[in-house]
Amino acid sequence: MLHGRSTRFWIFLALAGMMTGTVFGEAVAAVLPDGSVALRQFFSGSAEFSIGPLGFDIYILRFYLALIAVKLNIMTFAGLLAVGVLYKWF
Protein backbone atom coordinates (compact mmCIF):
# COMPACT_ATOMS: atom_id res chain seq x y z
CA MET A 1 0.00 0.00 0.00
CA LEU A 2 1.37 3.35 -0.97
CA HIS A 3 1.33 5.92 1.83
CA GLY A 4 -0.66 3.52 4.02
CA ARG A 5 -3.84 3.85 1.94
CA SER A 6 -6.21 0.99 1.22
CA THR A 7 -6.77 -0.55 -2.18
CA ARG A 8 -10.31 0.89 -2.28
CA PHE A 9 -8.90 4.39 -1.94
CA TRP A 10 -6.58 3.88 -4.91
CA ILE A 11 -9.37 2.43 -7.03
CA PHE A 12 -11.59 5.39 -6.13
CA LEU A 13 -8.79 7.82 -6.94
CA ALA A 14 -8.18 6.20 -10.33
CA LEU A 15 -11.89 6.18 -11.24
CA ALA A 16 -12.33 9.79 -10.11
CA GLY A 17 -9.40 10.91 -12.23
CA MET A 18 -10.61 9.00 -15.26
CA MET A 19 -14.15 10.36 -14.99
CA THR A 20 -12.90 13.91 -14.47
CA GLY A 21 -10.62 13.69 -17.50
CA THR A 22 -13.36 12.25 -19.72
CA VAL A 23 -15.84 14.95 -18.72
CA PHE A 24 -13.20 17.64 -19.27
CA GLY A 25 -12.38 16.26 -22.73
CA GLU A 26 -16.04 16.21 -23.74
CA ALA A 27 -16.51 19.77 -22.43
CA VAL A 28 -13.50 21.08 -24.36
CA ALA A 29 -14.74 19.36 -27.53
CA ALA A 30 -18.19 20.92 -27.11
CA VAL A 31 -16.71 24.43 -26.82
CA LEU A 32 -14.48 24.16 -29.89
CA PRO A 33 -15.77 25.70 -33.13
CA ASP A 34 -17.22 23.43 -35.82
CA GLY A 35 -14.28 24.07 -38.16
CA SER A 36 -11.69 22.49 -35.90
CA VAL A 37 -12.47 18.86 -36.62
CA ALA A 38 -8.99 17.59 -35.75
CA LEU A 39 -8.99 19.18 -32.29
CA ARG A 40 -12.55 18.06 -31.65
CA GLN A 41 -11.59 14.49 -32.60
CA PHE A 42 -8.50 14.68 -30.39
CA PHE A 43 -10.44 15.71 -27.29
CA SER A 44 -13.63 13.70 -27.79
CA GLY A 45 -12.41 10.76 -29.88
CA SER A 46 -12.62 7.67 -27.76
CA ALA A 47 -12.43 3.95 -27.53
CA GLU A 48 -15.50 2.35 -26.07
CA PHE A 49 -15.63 -1.08 -24.50
CA SER A 50 -18.98 -2.61 -23.69
CA ILE A 51 -20.47 -5.76 -22.28
CA GLY A 52 -24.11 -6.47 -22.80
CA PRO A 53 -26.81 -7.40 -22.57
CA LEU A 54 -26.60 -9.12 -19.21
CA GLY A 55 -29.61 -10.74 -17.59
CA PHE A 56 -30.45 -12.46 -14.36
CA ASP A 57 -33.90 -13.97 -13.84
CA ILE A 58 -35.23 -16.01 -10.97
CA TYR A 59 -38.83 -16.37 -9.92
CA ILE A 60 -38.94 -13.49 -7.41
CA LEU A 61 -36.23 -11.26 -8.85
CA ARG A 62 -35.55 -10.14 -12.38
CA PHE A 63 -32.51 -8.06 -13.19
CA TYR A 64 -31.67 -6.97 -16.72
CA LEU A 65 -28.84 -4.67 -17.69
CA ALA A 66 -28.84 -3.54 -21.28
CA LEU A 67 -25.28 -2.36 -21.53
CA ILE A 68 -22.19 -1.72 -19.44
CA ALA A 69 -19.82 0.60 -21.25
CA VAL A 70 -16.51 2.29 -20.52
CA LYS A 71 -15.51 5.27 -22.63
CA LEU A 72 -11.84 6.26 -22.69
CA ASN A 73 -10.25 9.18 -24.48
CA ILE A 74 -6.89 10.92 -24.27
CA MET A 75 -8.16 13.28 -21.59
CA THR A 76 -9.09 10.29 -19.42
CA PHE A 77 -5.41 9.57 -18.94
CA ALA A 78 -4.63 13.26 -18.45
CA GLY A 79 -7.22 13.35 -15.66
CA LEU A 80 -5.69 10.26 -14.11
CA LEU A 81 -2.27 11.92 -14.13
CA ALA A 82 -3.68 15.17 -12.75
CA VAL A 83 -5.30 13.42 -9.81
CA GLY A 84 -2.05 11.56 -9.14
CA VAL A 85 -0.08 14.81 -9.12
CA LEU A 86 -2.65 16.48 -6.86
CA TYR A 87 -2.46 13.56 -4.46
CA LYS A 88 1.32 13.80 -4.34
CA TRP A 89 1.10 17.50 -3.43
CA PHE A 90 -1.36 16.91 -0.59
PDB file of N, CA and C in Angstrom:
ATOM      1  N   MET A   1       0.829  -1.183   0.000  1.00  0.00           N
ATOM      2  CA  MET A   1       0.000   0.000   0.000  1.00  0.00           C
ATOM      3  C   MET A   1       0.877   1.250   0.000  1.00  0.00           C
ATOM      4  N   LEU A   2       0.617   2.110  -0.907  1.00  0.00           N
ATOM      5  CA  LEU A   2       1.371   3.354  -0.969  1.00  0.00           C
ATOM      6  C   LEU A   2       0.810   4.344   0.040  1.00  0.00           C
ATOM      7  N   HIS A   3       1.681   4.920   0.830  1.00  0.00           N
ATOM      8  CA  HIS A   3       1.329   5.922   1.834  1.00  0.00           C
ATOM      9  C   HIS A   3       0.304   5.388   2.832  1.00  0.00           C
ATOM     10  N   GLY A   4       0.247   4.094   3.039  1.00  0.00           N
ATOM     11  CA  GLY A   4      -0.658   3.524   4.023  1.00  0.00           C
ATOM     12  C   GLY A   4      -2.126   3.576   3.640  1.00  0.00           C
ATOM     13  N   ARG A   5      -2.437   3.773   2.390  1.00  0.00           N
ATOM     14  CA  ARG A   5      -3.836   3.850   1.937  1.00  0.00           C
ATOM     15  C   ARG A   5      -4.325   2.474   1.506  1.00  0.00           C
ATOM     16  N   SER A   6      -5.629   2.270   1.604  1.00  0.00           N
ATOM     17  CA  SER A   6      -6.214   0.989   1.221  1.00  0.00           C
ATOM     18  C   SER A   6      -6.353   0.891  -0.297  1.00  0.00           C
ATOM     19  N   THR A   7      -6.583  -0.306  -0.747  1.00  0.00           N
ATOM     20  CA  THR A   7      -6.774  -0.545  -2.183  1.00  0.00           C
ATOM     21  C   THR A   7      -8.020   0.159  -2.690  1.00  0.00           C
ATOM     22  N   ARG A   8      -9.074   0.192  -1.872  1.00  0.00           N
ATOM     23  CA  ARG A   8     -10.308   0.888  -2.282  1.00  0.00           C
ATOM     24  C   ARG A   8     -10.060   2.367  -2.536  1.00  0.00           C
ATOM     25  N   PHE A   9      -9.217   2.979  -1.732  1.00  0.00           N
ATOM     26  CA  PHE A   9      -8.896   4.389  -1.938  1.00  0.00           C
ATOM     27  C   PHE A   9      -8.231   4.604  -3.296  1.00  0.00           C
ATOM     28  N   TRP A  10      -7.288   3.729  -3.643  1.00  0.00           N
ATOM     29  CA  TRP A  10      -6.581   3.876  -4.911  1.00  0.00           C
ATOM     30  C   TRP A  10      -7.496   3.619  -6.099  1.00  0.00           C
ATOM     31  N   ILE A  11      -8.402   2.679  -5.964  1.00  0.00           N
ATOM     32  CA  ILE A  11      -9.369   2.428  -7.032  1.00  0.00           C
ATOM     33  C   ILE A  11     -10.286   3.627  -7.195  1.00  0.00           C
ATOM     34  N   PHE A  12     -10.761   4.188  -6.080  1.00  0.00           N
ATOM     35  CA  PHE A  12     -11.591   5.386  -6.134  1.00  0.00           C
ATOM     36  C   PHE A  12     -10.843   6.548  -6.767  1.00  0.00           C
ATOM     37  N   LEU A  13      -9.599   6.729  -6.389  1.00  0.00           N
ATOM     38  CA  LEU A  13      -8.792   7.817  -6.935  1.00  0.00           C
ATOM     39  C   LEU A  13      -8.605   7.661  -8.444  1.00  0.00           C
ATOM     40  N   ALA A  14      -8.346   6.444  -8.899  1.00  0.00           N
ATOM     41  CA  ALA A  14      -8.185   6.202 -10.331  1.00  0.00           C
ATOM     42  C   ALA A  14      -9.485   6.448 -11.081  1.00  0.00           C
ATOM     43  N   LEU A  15     -10.599   5.967 -10.566  1.00  0.00           N
ATOM     44  CA  LEU A  15     -11.887   6.184 -11.236  1.00  0.00           C
ATOM     45  C   LEU A  15     -12.277   7.652 -11.251  1.00  0.00           C
ATOM     46  N   ALA A  16     -12.017   8.360 -10.158  1.00  0.00           N
ATOM     47  CA  ALA A  16     -12.331   9.794 -10.106  1.00  0.00           C
ATOM     48  C   ALA A  16     -11.504  10.560 -11.134  1.00  0.00           C
ATOM     49  N   GLY A  17     -10.241  10.242 -11.245  1.00  0.00           N
ATOM     50  CA  GLY A  17      -9.398  10.910 -12.234  1.00  0.00           C
ATOM     51  C   GLY A  17      -9.824  10.608 -13.655  1.00  0.00           C
ATOM     52  N   MET A  18     -10.188   9.364 -13.910  1.00  0.00           N
ATOM     53  CA  MET A  18     -10.610   8.997 -15.263  1.00  0.00           C
ATOM     54  C   MET A  18     -11.929   9.665 -15.632  1.00  0.00           C
ATOM     55  N   MET A  19     -12.868   9.705 -14.700  1.00  0.00           N
ATOM     56  CA  MET A  19     -14.146  10.359 -14.990  1.00  0.00           C
ATOM     57  C   MET A  19     -13.971  11.864 -15.182  1.00  0.00           C
ATOM     58  N   THR A  20     -13.144  12.471 -14.344  1.00  0.00           N
ATOM     59  CA  THR A  20     -12.896  13.908 -14.470  1.00  0.00           C
ATOM     60  C   THR A  20     -12.251  14.236 -15.813  1.00  0.00           C
ATOM     61  N   GLY A  21     -11.279  13.460 -16.218  1.00  0.00           N
ATOM     62  CA  GLY A  21     -10.624  13.689 -17.503  1.00  0.00           C
ATOM     63  C   GLY A  21     -11.557  13.506 -18.682  1.00  0.00           C
ATOM     64  N   THR A  22     -12.408  12.489 -18.634  1.00  0.00           N
ATOM     65  CA  THR A  22     -13.357  12.250 -19.720  1.00  0.00           C
ATOM     66  C   THR A  22     -14.354  13.388 -19.835  1.00  0.00           C
ATOM     67  N   VAL A  23     -14.886  13.839 -18.704  1.00  0.00           N
ATOM     68  CA  VAL A  23     -15.837  14.951 -18.718  1.00  0.00           C
ATOM     69  C   VAL A  23     -15.156  16.216 -19.226  1.00  0.00           C
ATOM     70  N   PHE A  24     -13.931  16.467 -18.804  1.00  0.00           N
ATOM     71  CA  PHE A  24     -13.200  17.639 -19.267  1.00  0.00           C
ATOM     72  C   PHE A  24     -12.957  17.575 -20.778  1.00  0.00           C
ATOM     73  N   GLY A  25     -12.589  16.411 -21.290  1.00  0.00           N
ATOM     74  CA  GLY A  25     -12.377  16.260 -22.730  1.00  0.00           C
ATOM     75  C   GLY A  25     -13.637  16.495 -23.530  1.00  0.00           C
ATOM     76  N   GLU A  26     -14.766  15.985 -23.057  1.00  0.00           N
ATOM     77  CA  GLU A  26     -16.041  16.214 -23.738  1.00  0.00           C
ATOM     78  C   GLU A  26     -16.435  17.686 -23.682  1.00  0.00           C
ATOM     79  N   ALA A  27     -16.177  18.354 -22.560  1.00  0.00           N
ATOM     80  CA  ALA A  27     -16.512  19.770 -22.431  1.00  0.00           C
ATOM     81  C   ALA A  27     -15.665  20.624 -23.360  1.00  0.00           C
ATOM     82  N   VAL A  28     -14.378  20.326 -23.454  1.00  0.00           N
ATOM     83  CA  VAL A  28     -13.502  21.079 -24.359  1.00  0.00           C
ATOM     84  C   VAL A  28     -13.944  20.862 -25.805  1.00  0.00           C
ATOM     85  N   ALA A  29     -14.299  19.642 -26.161  1.00  0.00           N
ATOM     86  CA  ALA A  29     -14.741  19.360 -27.533  1.00  0.00           C
ATOM     87  C   ALA A  29     -16.050  20.078 -27.857  1.00  0.00           C
ATOM     88  N   ALA A  30     -16.919  20.234 -26.873  1.00  0.00           N
ATOM     89  CA  ALA A  30     -18.186  20.923 -27.110  1.00  0.00           C
ATOM     90  C   ALA A  30     -17.991  22.421 -27.311  1.00  0.00           C
ATOM     91  N   VAL A  31     -16.955  22.991 -26.718  1.00  0.00           N
ATOM     92  CA  VAL A  31     -16.708  24.430 -26.816  1.00  0.00           C
ATOM     93  C   VAL A  31     -15.985  24.798 -28.115  1.00  0.00           C
ATOM     94  N   LEU A  32     -15.238  23.874 -28.677  1.00  0.00           N
ATOM     95  CA  LEU A  32     -14.477  24.162 -29.887  1.00  0.00           C
ATOM     96  C   LEU A  32     -15.394  24.495 -31.060  1.00  0.00           C
ATOM     97  N   PRO A  33     -14.951  25.374 -31.962  1.00  0.00           N
ATOM     98  CA  PRO A  33     -15.774  25.704 -33.126  1.00  0.00           C
ATOM     99  C   PRO A  33     -15.907  24.507 -34.075  1.00  0.00           C
ATOM    100  N   ASP A  34     -16.941  24.546 -34.915  1.00  0.00           N
ATOM    101  CA  ASP A  34     -17.222  23.428 -35.824  1.00  0.00           C
ATOM    102  C   ASP A  34     -16.113  23.192 -36.836  1.00  0.00           C
ATOM    103  N   GLY A  35     -15.338  24.210 -37.164  1.00  0.00           N
ATOM    104  CA  GLY A  35     -14.281  24.074 -38.163  1.00  0.00           C
ATOM    105  C   GLY A  35     -13.063  23.293 -37.694  1.00  0.00           C
ATOM    106  N   SER A  36     -12.876  23.165 -36.412  1.00  0.00           N
ATOM    107  CA  SER A  36     -11.687  22.488 -35.900  1.00  0.00           C
ATOM    108  C   SER A  36     -11.989  21.007 -35.637  1.00  0.00           C
ATOM    109  N   VAL A  37     -12.112  20.270 -36.711  1.00  0.00           N
ATOM    110  CA  VAL A  37     -12.472  18.858 -36.625  1.00  0.00           C
ATOM    111  C   VAL A  37     -11.352  18.040 -35.978  1.00  0.00           C
ATOM    112  N   ALA A  38     -10.111  18.358 -36.300  1.00  0.00           N
ATOM    113  CA  ALA A  38      -8.992  17.591 -35.755  1.00  0.00           C
ATOM    114  C   ALA A  38      -8.897  17.747 -34.235  1.00  0.00           C
ATOM    115  N   LEU A  39      -9.031  18.976 -33.739  1.00  0.00           N
ATOM    116  CA  LEU A  39      -8.988  19.178 -32.288  1.00  0.00           C
ATOM    117  C   LEU A  39     -10.188  18.545 -31.603  1.00  0.00           C
ATOM    118  N   ARG A  40     -11.342  18.661 -32.226  1.00  0.00           N
ATOM    119  CA  ARG A  40     -12.548  18.058 -31.655  1.00  0.00           C
ATOM    120  C   ARG A  40     -12.385  16.543 -31.567  1.00  0.00           C
ATOM    121  N   GLN A  41     -11.819  15.938 -32.600  1.00  0.00           N
ATOM    122  CA  GLN A  41     -11.590  14.492 -32.598  1.00  0.00           C
ATOM    123  C   GLN A  41     -10.536  14.112 -31.554  1.00  0.00           C
ATOM    124  N   PHE A  42      -9.535  14.958 -31.384  1.00  0.00           N
ATOM    125  CA  PHE A  42      -8.495  14.681 -30.389  1.00  0.00           C
ATOM    126  C   PHE A  42      -9.070  14.642 -28.981  1.00  0.00           C
ATOM    127  N   PHE A  43      -9.914  15.626 -28.642  1.00  0.00           N
ATOM    128  CA  PHE A  43     -10.441  15.706 -27.288  1.00  0.00           C
ATOM    129  C   PHE A  43     -11.607  14.763 -27.044  1.00  0.00           C
ATOM    130  N   SER A  44     -12.448  14.528 -28.045  1.00  0.00           N
ATOM    131  CA  SER A  44     -13.627  13.700 -27.794  1.00  0.00           C
ATOM    132  C   SER A  44     -13.545  12.327 -28.435  1.00  0.00           C
ATOM    133  N   GLY A  45     -12.564  12.088 -29.291  1.00  0.00           N
ATOM    134  CA  GLY A  45     -12.414  10.762 -29.875  1.00  0.00           C
ATOM    135  C   GLY A  45     -12.120   9.752 -28.790  1.00  0.00           C
ATOM    136  N   SER A  46     -12.750   8.599 -28.871  1.00  0.00           N
ATOM    137  CA  SER A  46     -12.625   7.669 -27.757  1.00  0.00           C
ATOM    138  C   SER A  46     -12.666   6.231 -28.238  1.00  0.00           C
ATOM    139  N   ALA A  47     -12.267   5.382 -27.357  1.00  0.00           N
ATOM    140  CA  ALA A  47     -12.427   3.947 -27.535  1.00  0.00           C
ATOM    141  C   ALA A  47     -13.458   3.508 -26.508  1.00  0.00           C
ATOM    142  N   GLU A  48     -14.439   2.768 -26.962  1.00  0.00           N
ATOM    143  CA  GLU A  48     -15.505   2.353 -26.065  1.00  0.00           C
ATOM    144  C   GLU A  48     -15.531   0.837 -25.974  1.00  0.00           C
ATOM    145  N   PHE A  49     -15.560   0.345 -24.764  1.00  0.00           N
ATOM    146  CA  PHE A  49     -15.626  -1.082 -24.502  1.00  0.00           C
ATOM    147  C   PHE A  49     -16.948  -1.364 -23.815  1.00  0.00           C
ATOM    148  N   SER A  50     -17.672  -2.348 -24.289  1.00  0.00           N
ATOM    149  CA  SER A  50     -18.976  -2.609 -23.692  1.00  0.00           C
ATOM    150  C   SER A  50     -19.211  -4.100 -23.526  1.00  0.00           C
ATOM    151  N   ILE A  51     -20.009  -4.409 -22.549  1.00  0.00           N
ATOM    152  CA  ILE A  51     -20.467  -5.760 -22.280  1.00  0.00           C
ATOM    153  C   ILE A  51     -21.985  -5.691 -22.201  1.00  0.00           C
ATOM    154  N   GLY A  52     -22.655  -6.508 -22.913  1.00  0.00           N
ATOM    155  CA  GLY A  52     -24.109  -6.470 -22.795  1.00  0.00           C
ATOM    156  C   GLY A  52     -24.756  -7.315 -23.848  1.00  0.00           C
ATOM    157  N   PRO A  53     -25.969  -7.586 -23.758  1.00  0.00           N
ATOM    158  CA  PRO A  53     -26.806  -7.400 -22.568  1.00  0.00           C
ATOM    159  C   PRO A  53     -26.585  -8.504 -21.549  1.00  0.00           C
ATOM    160  N   LEU A  54     -26.727  -8.160 -20.304  1.00  0.00           N
ATOM    161  CA  LEU A  54     -26.605  -9.118 -19.212  1.00  0.00           C
ATOM    162  C   LEU A  54     -27.971  -9.287 -18.568  1.00  0.00           C
ATOM    163  N   GLY A  55     -28.317 -10.504 -18.229  1.00  0.00           N
ATOM    164  CA  GLY A  55     -29.606 -10.735 -17.591  1.00  0.00           C
ATOM    165  C   GLY A  55     -29.512 -11.733 -16.467  1.00  0.00           C
ATOM    166  N   PHE A  56     -30.376 -11.561 -15.498  1.00  0.00           N
ATOM    167  CA  PHE A  56     -30.455 -12.460 -14.357  1.00  0.00           C
ATOM    168  C   PHE A  56     -31.925 -12.589 -14.029  1.00  0.00           C
ATOM    169  N   ASP A  57     -32.465 -13.794 -14.037  1.00  0.00           N
ATOM    170  CA  ASP A  57     -33.897 -13.967 -13.844  1.00  0.00           C
ATOM    171  C   ASP A  57     -34.157 -15.177 -12.971  1.00  0.00           C
ATOM    172  N   ILE A  58     -34.688 -14.929 -11.784  1.00  0.00           N
ATOM    173  CA  ILE A  58     -35.229 -16.011 -10.972  1.00  0.00           C
ATOM    174  C   ILE A  58     -36.685 -15.669 -10.707  1.00  0.00           C
ATOM    175  N   TYR A  59     -37.388 -16.531 -10.050  1.00  0.00           N
ATOM    176  CA  TYR A  59     -38.827 -16.366  -9.922  1.00  0.00           C
ATOM    177  C   TYR A  59     -39.229 -15.071  -9.227  1.00  0.00           C
ATOM    178  N   ILE A  60     -38.542 -14.685  -8.162  1.00  0.00           N
ATOM    179  CA  ILE A  60     -38.944 -13.492  -7.413  1.00  0.00           C
ATOM    180  C   ILE A  60     -38.146 -12.243  -7.763  1.00  0.00           C
ATOM    181  N   LEU A  61     -37.093 -12.402  -8.534  1.00  0.00           N
ATOM    182  CA  LEU A  61     -36.230 -11.260  -8.851  1.00  0.00           C
ATOM    183  C   LEU A  61     -35.817 -11.327 -10.309  1.00  0.00           C
ATOM    184  N   ARG A  62     -35.992 -10.236 -10.997  1.00  0.00           N
ATOM    185  CA  ARG A  62     -35.547 -10.137 -12.382  1.00  0.00           C
ATOM    186  C   ARG A  62     -34.652  -8.915 -12.508  1.00  0.00           C
ATOM    187  N   PHE A  63     -33.481  -9.136 -13.022  1.00  0.00           N
ATOM    188  CA  PHE A  63     -32.507  -8.060 -13.195  1.00  0.00           C
ATOM    189  C   PHE A  63     -32.022  -8.125 -14.633  1.00  0.00           C
ATOM    190  N   TYR A  64     -32.115  -7.010 -15.340  1.00  0.00           N
ATOM    191  CA  TYR A  64     -31.668  -6.970 -16.725  1.00  0.00           C
ATOM    192  C   TYR A  64     -30.885  -5.687 -16.928  1.00  0.00           C
ATOM    193  N   LEU A  65     -29.697  -5.815 -17.425  1.00  0.00           N
ATOM    194  CA  LEU A  65     -28.842  -4.672 -17.689  1.00  0.00           C
ATOM    195  C   LEU A  65     -28.546  -4.652 -19.175  1.00  0.00           C
ATOM    196  N   ALA A  66     -28.962  -3.596 -19.826  1.00  0.00           N
ATOM    197  CA  ALA A  66     -28.839  -3.540 -21.278  1.00  0.00           C
ATOM    198  C   ALA A  66     -27.390  -3.418 -21.721  1.00  0.00           C
ATOM    199  N   LEU A  67     -26.623  -2.604 -21.052  1.00  0.00           N
ATOM    200  CA  LEU A  67     -25.275  -2.356 -21.535  1.00  0.00           C
ATOM    201  C   LEU A  67     -24.402  -1.792 -20.425  1.00  0.00           C
ATOM    202  N   ILE A  68     -23.217  -2.312 -20.305  1.00  0.00           N
ATOM    203  CA  ILE A  68     -22.188  -1.723 -19.437  1.00  0.00           C
ATOM    204  C   ILE A  68     -21.104  -1.228 -20.383  1.00  0.00           C
ATOM    205  N   ALA A  69     -20.791   0.047 -20.315  1.00  0.00           N
ATOM    206  CA  ALA A  69     -19.821   0.596 -21.255  1.00  0.00           C
ATOM    207  C   ALA A  69     -18.794   1.460 -20.528  1.00  0.00           C
ATOM    208  N   VAL A  70     -17.589   1.440 -21.013  1.00  0.00           N
ATOM    209  CA  VAL A  70     -16.513   2.293 -20.522  1.00  0.00           C
ATOM    210  C   VAL A  70     -16.012   3.095 -21.717  1.00  0.00           C
ATOM    211  N   LYS A  71     -15.959   4.400 -21.556  1.00  0.00           N
ATOM    212  CA  LYS A  71     -15.510   5.270 -22.633  1.00  0.00           C
ATOM    213  C   LYS A  71     -14.197   5.921 -22.211  1.00  0.00           C
ATOM    214  N   LEU A  72     -13.161   5.702 -22.992  1.00  0.00           N
ATOM    215  CA  LEU A  72     -11.845   6.256 -22.689  1.00  0.00           C
ATOM    216  C   LEU A  72     -11.399   7.162 -23.828  1.00  0.00           C
ATOM    217  N   ASN A  73     -10.882   8.317 -23.487  1.00  0.00           N
ATOM    218  CA  ASN A  73     -10.255   9.183 -24.479  1.00  0.00           C
ATOM    219  C   ASN A  73      -8.927   9.672 -23.925  1.00  0.00           C
ATOM    220  N   ILE A  74      -8.223  10.469 -24.675  1.00  0.00           N
ATOM    221  CA  ILE A  74      -6.888  10.919 -24.271  1.00  0.00           C
ATOM    222  C   ILE A  74      -6.945  11.740 -22.983  1.00  0.00           C
ATOM    223  N   MET A  75      -8.027  12.461 -22.788  1.00  0.00           N
ATOM    224  CA  MET A  75      -8.156  13.277 -21.588  1.00  0.00           C
ATOM    225  C   MET A  75      -8.435  12.426 -20.353  1.00  0.00           C
ATOM    226  N   THR A  76      -8.907  11.201 -20.542  1.00  0.00           N
ATOM    227  CA  THR A  76      -9.088  10.291 -19.418  1.00  0.00           C
ATOM    228  C   THR A  76      -7.759  10.056 -18.718  1.00  0.00           C
ATOM    229  N   PHE A  77      -6.737   9.813 -19.506  1.00  0.00           N
ATOM    230  CA  PHE A  77      -5.413   9.568 -18.939  1.00  0.00           C
ATOM    231  C   PHE A  77      -4.795  10.845 -18.384  1.00  0.00           C
ATOM    232  N   ALA A  78      -5.102  11.986 -18.995  1.00  0.00           N
ATOM    233  CA  ALA A  78      -4.629  13.260 -18.448  1.00  0.00           C
ATOM    234  C   ALA A  78      -5.272  13.523 -17.088  1.00  0.00           C
ATOM    235  N   GLY A  79      -6.553  13.202 -16.956  1.00  0.00           N
ATOM    236  CA  GLY A  79      -7.222  13.350 -15.660  1.00  0.00           C
ATOM    237  C   GLY A  79      -6.652  12.424 -14.617  1.00  0.00           C
ATOM    238  N   LEU A  80      -6.311  11.217 -15.021  1.00  0.00           N
ATOM    239  CA  LEU A  80      -5.692  10.258 -14.107  1.00  0.00           C
ATOM    240  C   LEU A  80      -4.342  10.779 -13.621  1.00  0.00           C
ATOM    241  N   LEU A  81      -3.557  11.331 -14.518  1.00  0.00           N
ATOM    242  CA  LEU A  81      -2.268  11.916 -14.133  1.00  0.00           C
ATOM    243  C   LEU A  81      -2.443  13.137 -13.235  1.00  0.00           C
ATOM    244  N   ALA A  82      -3.442  13.974 -13.545  1.00  0.00           N
ATOM    245  CA  ALA A  82      -3.676  15.174 -12.746  1.00  0.00           C
ATOM    246  C   ALA A  82      -4.066  14.819 -11.317  1.00  0.00           C
ATOM    247  N   VAL A  83      -4.916  13.828 -11.152  1.00  0.00           N
ATOM    248  CA  VAL A  83      -5.302  13.415  -9.807  1.00  0.00           C
ATOM    249  C   VAL A  83      -4.101  12.828  -9.064  1.00  0.00           C
ATOM    250  N   GLY A  84      -3.258  12.094  -9.765  1.00  0.00           N
ATOM    251  CA  GLY A  84      -2.048  11.562  -9.139  1.00  0.00           C
ATOM    252  C   GLY A  84      -1.115  12.656  -8.674  1.00  0.00           C
ATOM    253  N   VAL A  85      -0.941  13.686  -9.495  1.00  0.00           N
ATOM    254  CA  VAL A  85      -0.075  14.814  -9.123  1.00  0.00           C
ATOM    255  C   VAL A  85      -0.678  15.572  -7.946  1.00  0.00           C
ATOM    256  N   LEU A  86      -2.004  15.797  -7.971  1.00  0.00           N
ATOM    257  CA  LEU A  86      -2.645  16.483  -6.860  1.00  0.00           C
ATOM    258  C   LEU A  86      -2.515  15.694  -5.566  1.00  0.00           C
ATOM    259  N   TYR A  87      -2.618  14.376  -5.654  1.00  0.00           N
ATOM    260  CA  TYR A  87      -2.462  13.556  -4.455  1.00  0.00           C
ATOM    261  C   TYR A  87      -1.039  13.664  -3.904  1.00  0.00           C
ATOM    262  N   LYS A  88      -0.071  13.710  -4.795  1.00  0.00           N
ATOM    263  CA  LYS A  88       1.315  13.799  -4.337  1.00  0.00           C
ATOM    264  C   LYS A  88       1.567  15.127  -3.618  1.00  0.00           C
ATOM    265  N   TRP A  89       0.914  16.204  -4.078  1.00  0.00           N
ATOM    266  CA  TRP A  89       1.100  17.499  -3.432  1.00  0.00           C
ATOM    267  C   TRP A  89       0.474  17.535  -2.051  1.00  0.00           C
ATOM    268  N   PHE A  90      -0.643  16.837  -1.876  1.00  0.00           N
ATOM    269  CA  PHE A  90      -1.356  16.905  -0.594  1.00  0.00           C
ATOM    270  C   PHE A  90      -1.138  15.644   0.119  1.00  0.00           C
TER     271      PHE A  90
END
